[in-house]
């Protein structure tokens, strides 16, 4: 896979996961959870989505930091949605792509 193709795949996967996490966080607010569960649910999913979007935004200036942010965000958001199977697999793919891109990046030293 070429570097440009890997970056495109990473961006699409990251934005798709961020959208899933944001939707799940909103649904968590509407669900009938107790207050503590709702806070944890929204914090993990909303925080994960925010970190992924931030990583996507700063990719051009710092690919390594973008990879770290997206990896942490992907793992944080996948934790409450582990029972969906596909979401943790997509998060694992995002983390693997983040590491591969950070290692191949022309600006990485």
N, C-alpha and C. Protein backbone atom coordinates (compact mmCIF):
# COMPACT_ATOMS: atom_id res chain seq x y z
N UNK A 1 0.86 -1.18 0.00
CA UNK A 1 0.00 0.00 0.00
C UNK A 1 0.90 1.24 0.00
N UNK A 2 0.61 2.16 -0.89
CA UNK A 2 1.40 3.38 -0.95
C UNK A 2 1.08 4.28 0.24
N UNK A 3 1.97 5.23 0.48
CA UNK A 3 1.79 6.13 1.61
C UNK A 3 0.52 6.96 1.46
N UNK A 4 0.27 7.49 0.27
CA UNK A 4 -0.92 8.31 0.05
C UNK A 4 -2.19 7.48 0.26
N UNK A 5 -2.18 6.24 -0.19
CA UNK A 5 -3.34 5.36 -0.01
C UNK A 5 -3.56 5.04 1.47
N UNK A 6 -2.47 4.82 2.20
CA UNK A 6 -2.57 4.55 3.63
C UNK A 6 -3.14 5.76 4.38
N UNK A 7 -2.70 6.95 4.00
CA UNK A 7 -3.21 8.17 4.65
C UNK A 7 -4.69 8.35 4.35
N UNK A 8 -5.11 8.11 3.11
CA UNK A 8 -6.52 8.23 2.76
C UNK A 8 -7.36 7.21 3.53
N UNK A 9 -6.89 5.98 3.62
CA UNK A 9 -7.61 4.96 4.38
C UNK A 9 -7.69 5.33 5.84
N UNK A 10 -6.60 5.87 6.40
CA UNK A 10 -6.57 6.30 7.80
C UNK A 10 -7.58 7.41 8.04
N UNK A 11 -7.61 8.40 7.15
CA UNK A 11 -8.54 9.52 7.32
C UNK A 11 -10.00 9.07 7.25
N UNK A 12 -10.32 8.19 6.31
CA UNK A 12 -11.70 7.71 6.17
C UNK A 12 -12.09 6.89 7.40
N UNK A 13 -11.21 5.99 7.82
CA UNK A 13 -11.49 5.18 9.01
C UNK A 13 -11.64 6.06 10.25
N UNK A 14 -10.77 7.05 10.38
CA UNK A 14 -10.82 7.93 11.55
C UNK A 14 -12.13 8.72 11.58
N UNK A 15 -12.51 9.29 10.48
CA UNK A 15 -13.74 10.09 10.46
C UNK A 15 -14.99 9.22 10.64
N UNK A 16 -14.96 8.00 10.09
CA UNK A 16 -16.10 7.10 10.29
C UNK A 16 -16.23 6.71 11.76
N UNK A 17 -15.11 6.40 12.40
CA UNK A 17 -15.15 6.06 13.83
C UNK A 17 -15.58 7.25 14.67
N UNK A 18 -15.09 8.43 14.35
CA UNK A 18 -15.48 9.63 15.10
C UNK A 18 -16.98 9.86 14.98
N UNK A 19 -17.53 9.65 13.79
CA UNK A 19 -18.97 9.82 13.61
C UNK A 19 -19.76 8.78 14.41
N UNK A 20 -19.30 7.54 14.40
CA UNK A 20 -19.97 6.49 15.18
C UNK A 20 -19.92 6.82 16.66
N UNK A 21 -18.77 7.27 17.14
CA UNK A 21 -18.62 7.61 18.55
C UNK A 21 -19.52 8.80 18.93
N UNK A 22 -19.58 9.80 18.07
CA UNK A 22 -20.42 10.96 18.37
C UNK A 22 -21.90 10.59 18.40
N UNK A 23 -22.33 9.77 17.46
CA UNK A 23 -23.73 9.33 17.44
C UNK A 23 -24.04 8.50 18.68
N UNK A 24 -23.13 7.60 19.04
CA UNK A 24 -23.35 6.77 20.23
C UNK A 24 -23.37 7.62 21.50
N UNK A 25 -22.55 8.67 21.55
CA UNK A 25 -22.57 9.56 22.72
C UNK A 25 -23.90 10.28 22.83
N UNK A 26 -24.42 10.75 21.72
CA UNK A 26 -25.72 11.43 21.72
C UNK A 26 -26.83 10.46 22.12
N UNK A 27 -26.79 9.24 21.59
CA UNK A 27 -27.77 8.23 21.97
C UNK A 27 -27.66 7.88 23.45
N UNK A 28 -26.45 7.93 23.99
CA UNK A 28 -26.26 7.68 25.41
C UNK A 28 -26.91 8.74 26.27
N UNK A 29 -26.90 9.96 25.77
CA UNK A 29 -27.58 11.04 26.50
C UNK A 29 -29.09 10.83 26.53
N UNK A 30 -29.61 10.27 25.45
CA UNK A 30 -31.05 10.05 25.35
C UNK A 30 -31.50 8.76 26.03
N UNK A 31 -30.57 7.86 26.29
CA UNK A 31 -30.92 6.57 26.89
C UNK A 31 -31.26 6.74 28.36
N UNK A 32 -31.85 5.71 28.91
CA UNK A 32 -32.30 5.76 30.30
C UNK A 32 -31.25 5.10 31.20
N UNK A 33 -30.03 5.66 31.22
CA UNK A 33 -28.97 5.18 32.10
C UNK A 33 -29.03 5.99 33.39
N UNK A 34 -28.38 5.47 34.42
CA UNK A 34 -28.22 6.31 35.61
C UNK A 34 -27.17 7.37 35.31
N UNK A 35 -27.07 8.36 36.16
CA UNK A 35 -26.23 9.52 35.88
C UNK A 35 -24.75 9.15 35.72
N UNK A 36 -24.25 8.28 36.58
CA UNK A 36 -22.83 7.90 36.51
C UNK A 36 -22.49 7.18 35.22
N UNK A 37 -23.35 6.27 34.81
CA UNK A 37 -23.12 5.54 33.56
C UNK A 37 -23.17 6.47 32.36
N UNK A 38 -24.08 7.42 32.40
CA UNK A 38 -24.20 8.37 31.30
C UNK A 38 -22.95 9.24 31.19
N UNK A 39 -22.42 9.67 32.33
CA UNK A 39 -21.21 10.50 32.32
C UNK A 39 -20.04 9.73 31.74
N UNK A 40 -19.85 8.49 32.17
CA UNK A 40 -18.75 7.67 31.66
C UNK A 40 -18.94 7.41 30.17
N UNK A 41 -20.14 7.06 29.77
CA UNK A 41 -20.45 6.77 28.36
C UNK A 41 -20.13 7.97 27.47
N UNK A 42 -20.64 9.13 27.84
CA UNK A 42 -20.44 10.32 27.03
C UNK A 42 -18.98 10.77 27.06
N UNK A 43 -18.33 10.66 28.21
CA UNK A 43 -16.92 11.07 28.32
C UNK A 43 -16.03 10.21 27.42
N UNK A 44 -16.22 8.89 27.47
CA UNK A 44 -15.38 8.02 26.65
C UNK A 44 -15.66 8.18 25.16
N UNK A 45 -16.93 8.20 24.79
CA UNK A 45 -17.26 8.30 23.37
C UNK A 45 -17.02 9.70 22.81
N UNK A 46 -17.45 10.71 23.55
CA UNK A 46 -17.22 12.08 23.10
C UNK A 46 -15.74 12.44 23.09
N UNK A 47 -15.03 12.03 24.14
CA UNK A 47 -13.59 12.27 24.18
C UNK A 47 -12.85 11.54 23.08
N UNK A 48 -13.26 10.30 22.82
CA UNK A 48 -12.64 9.53 21.73
C UNK A 48 -12.86 10.19 20.38
N UNK A 49 -14.09 10.64 20.13
CA UNK A 49 -14.39 11.31 18.87
C UNK A 49 -13.58 12.60 18.74
N UNK A 50 -13.50 13.36 19.83
CA UNK A 50 -12.75 14.62 19.80
C UNK A 50 -11.27 14.38 19.53
N UNK A 51 -10.68 13.38 20.18
CA UNK A 51 -9.27 13.09 19.96
C UNK A 51 -9.01 12.62 18.52
N UNK A 52 -9.91 11.83 17.98
CA UNK A 52 -9.73 11.38 16.60
C UNK A 52 -9.80 12.56 15.63
N UNK A 53 -10.76 13.44 15.82
CA UNK A 53 -10.89 14.60 14.93
C UNK A 53 -9.68 15.53 15.08
N UNK A 54 -9.21 15.74 16.31
CA UNK A 54 -8.01 16.56 16.51
C UNK A 54 -6.80 15.94 15.82
N UNK A 55 -6.66 14.62 15.94
CA UNK A 55 -5.55 13.94 15.25
C UNK A 55 -5.64 14.10 13.76
N UNK A 56 -6.84 14.02 13.23
CA UNK A 56 -7.04 14.19 11.80
C UNK A 56 -6.69 15.60 11.35
N UNK A 57 -7.02 16.59 12.17
CA UNK A 57 -6.76 17.99 11.81
C UNK A 57 -5.27 18.34 11.83
N UNK A 58 -4.49 17.76 12.75
CA UNK A 58 -3.08 18.14 12.86
C UNK A 58 -2.15 17.19 12.12
N UNK A 59 -2.70 16.31 11.29
CA UNK A 59 -1.86 15.32 10.62
C UNK A 59 -0.76 15.94 9.79
N UNK A 60 -1.06 16.99 9.05
CA UNK A 60 -0.06 17.58 8.15
C UNK A 60 1.12 18.18 8.90
N UNK A 61 0.89 18.72 10.10
CA UNK A 61 1.99 19.34 10.84
C UNK A 61 2.75 18.35 11.70
N UNK A 62 2.09 17.34 12.23
CA UNK A 62 2.76 16.37 13.10
C UNK A 62 2.10 15.00 12.98
N UNK A 63 2.54 14.18 12.04
CA UNK A 63 1.92 12.87 11.86
C UNK A 63 2.05 11.96 13.09
N UNK A 64 3.15 12.07 13.81
CA UNK A 64 3.32 11.21 14.98
C UNK A 64 2.31 11.58 16.08
N UNK A 65 2.16 12.87 16.36
CA UNK A 65 1.19 13.31 17.35
C UNK A 65 -0.23 12.99 16.90
N UNK A 66 -0.50 13.15 15.61
CA UNK A 66 -1.82 12.81 15.08
C UNK A 66 -2.11 11.33 15.28
N UNK A 67 -1.12 10.49 15.07
CA UNK A 67 -1.29 9.06 15.28
C UNK A 67 -1.55 8.71 16.73
N UNK A 68 -0.85 9.39 17.63
CA UNK A 68 -1.06 9.15 19.07
C UNK A 68 -2.48 9.57 19.47
N UNK A 69 -2.90 10.76 19.05
CA UNK A 69 -4.24 11.23 19.39
C UNK A 69 -5.32 10.31 18.84
N UNK A 70 -5.17 9.92 17.58
CA UNK A 70 -6.18 9.05 16.97
C UNK A 70 -6.19 7.67 17.62
N UNK A 71 -5.03 7.16 17.99
CA UNK A 71 -4.96 5.85 18.64
C UNK A 71 -5.61 5.88 20.01
N UNK A 72 -5.31 6.89 20.80
CA UNK A 72 -5.92 7.00 22.13
C UNK A 72 -7.43 7.21 22.01
N UNK A 73 -7.84 8.06 21.08
CA UNK A 73 -9.27 8.29 20.86
C UNK A 73 -9.99 7.04 20.38
N UNK A 74 -9.36 6.31 19.49
CA UNK A 74 -9.96 5.07 19.00
C UNK A 74 -10.12 4.03 20.09
N UNK A 75 -9.11 3.90 20.92
CA UNK A 75 -9.18 2.93 22.02
C UNK A 75 -10.21 3.35 23.06
N UNK A 76 -10.24 4.64 23.38
CA UNK A 76 -11.20 5.13 24.39
C UNK A 76 -12.64 4.94 23.93
N UNK A 77 -12.91 5.22 22.69
CA UNK A 77 -14.27 5.08 22.18
C UNK A 77 -14.67 3.63 21.96
N UNK A 78 -13.70 2.77 21.65
CA UNK A 78 -14.03 1.36 21.42
C UNK A 78 -14.36 0.64 22.72
N UNK A 79 -13.86 1.14 23.84
CA UNK A 79 -14.08 0.47 25.12
C UNK A 79 -15.55 0.30 25.47
N UNK A 80 -16.39 1.34 25.43
CA UNK A 80 -17.80 1.11 25.77
C UNK A 80 -18.59 0.39 24.68
N UNK A 81 -18.05 0.33 23.48
CA UNK A 81 -18.76 -0.32 22.37
C UNK A 81 -18.14 -1.67 22.00
N UNK A 82 -17.43 -2.30 22.95
CA UNK A 82 -16.72 -3.54 22.65
C UNK A 82 -17.67 -4.66 22.18
N UNK A 83 -18.90 -4.63 22.60
CA UNK A 83 -19.85 -5.67 22.27
C UNK A 83 -20.32 -5.61 20.82
N UNK A 84 -19.99 -4.56 20.09
CA UNK A 84 -20.38 -4.46 18.69
C UNK A 84 -19.42 -5.16 17.73
N UNK A 85 -18.31 -5.64 18.21
CA UNK A 85 -17.29 -6.38 17.47
C UNK A 85 -16.67 -5.57 16.33
N UNK A 86 -17.46 -5.01 15.45
CA UNK A 86 -16.91 -4.28 14.30
C UNK A 86 -16.21 -2.99 14.73
N UNK A 87 -16.74 -2.31 15.74
CA UNK A 87 -16.13 -1.05 16.19
C UNK A 87 -14.73 -1.28 16.77
N UNK A 88 -14.53 -2.26 17.66
CA UNK A 88 -13.16 -2.49 18.13
C UNK A 88 -12.21 -2.94 17.02
N UNK A 89 -12.72 -3.68 16.04
CA UNK A 89 -11.87 -4.06 14.91
C UNK A 89 -11.47 -2.84 14.09
N UNK A 90 -12.40 -1.93 13.87
CA UNK A 90 -12.07 -0.69 13.16
C UNK A 90 -11.10 0.16 13.97
N UNK A 91 -11.27 0.19 15.29
CA UNK A 91 -10.34 0.93 16.14
C UNK A 91 -8.95 0.32 16.09
N UNK A 92 -8.87 -1.01 16.07
CA UNK A 92 -7.57 -1.69 15.95
C UNK A 92 -6.92 -1.37 14.61
N UNK A 93 -7.72 -1.33 13.55
CA UNK A 93 -7.18 -0.97 12.23
C UNK A 93 -6.69 0.47 12.22
N UNK A 94 -7.43 1.35 12.88
CA UNK A 94 -7.01 2.76 12.98
C UNK A 94 -5.68 2.88 13.72
N UNK A 95 -5.54 2.15 14.81
CA UNK A 95 -4.30 2.18 15.59
C UNK A 95 -3.14 1.64 14.76
N UNK A 96 -3.35 0.52 14.06
CA UNK A 96 -2.29 -0.05 13.23
C UNK A 96 -1.90 0.90 12.09
N UNK A 97 -2.89 1.51 11.46
CA UNK A 97 -2.58 2.48 10.41
C UNK A 97 -1.86 3.71 10.96
N UNK A 98 -2.23 4.13 12.16
CA UNK A 98 -1.57 5.29 12.78
C UNK A 98 -0.10 5.02 12.99
N UNK A 99 0.21 3.84 13.49
CA UNK A 99 1.61 3.47 13.72
C UNK A 99 2.37 3.38 12.40
N UNK A 100 1.76 2.74 11.42
CA UNK A 100 2.42 2.58 10.12
C UNK A 100 2.67 3.92 9.44
N UNK A 101 1.70 4.81 9.50
CA UNK A 101 1.84 6.12 8.88
C UNK A 101 2.88 6.96 9.61
N UNK A 102 2.86 6.91 10.93
CA UNK A 102 3.85 7.69 11.70
C UNK A 102 5.27 7.20 11.41
N UNK A 103 5.43 5.91 11.19
CA UNK A 103 6.76 5.37 10.89
C UNK A 103 7.21 5.70 9.47
N UNK A 104 6.28 5.76 8.52
CA UNK A 104 6.62 6.02 7.11
C UNK A 104 6.65 7.50 6.77
N UNK A 105 6.14 8.33 7.64
CA UNK A 105 5.97 9.74 7.32
C UNK A 105 7.30 10.39 6.94
N UNK A 106 7.29 11.20 5.87
CA UNK A 106 8.52 11.88 5.47
C UNK A 106 9.05 12.85 6.53
N UNK A 107 8.17 13.40 7.35
CA UNK A 107 8.63 14.35 8.38
C UNK A 107 9.02 13.66 9.68
N UNK A 108 8.83 12.34 9.77
CA UNK A 108 9.21 11.61 10.99
C UNK A 108 10.72 11.47 11.03
N UNK A 109 11.29 11.65 12.20
CA UNK A 109 12.76 11.55 12.32
C UNK A 109 13.14 10.35 13.13
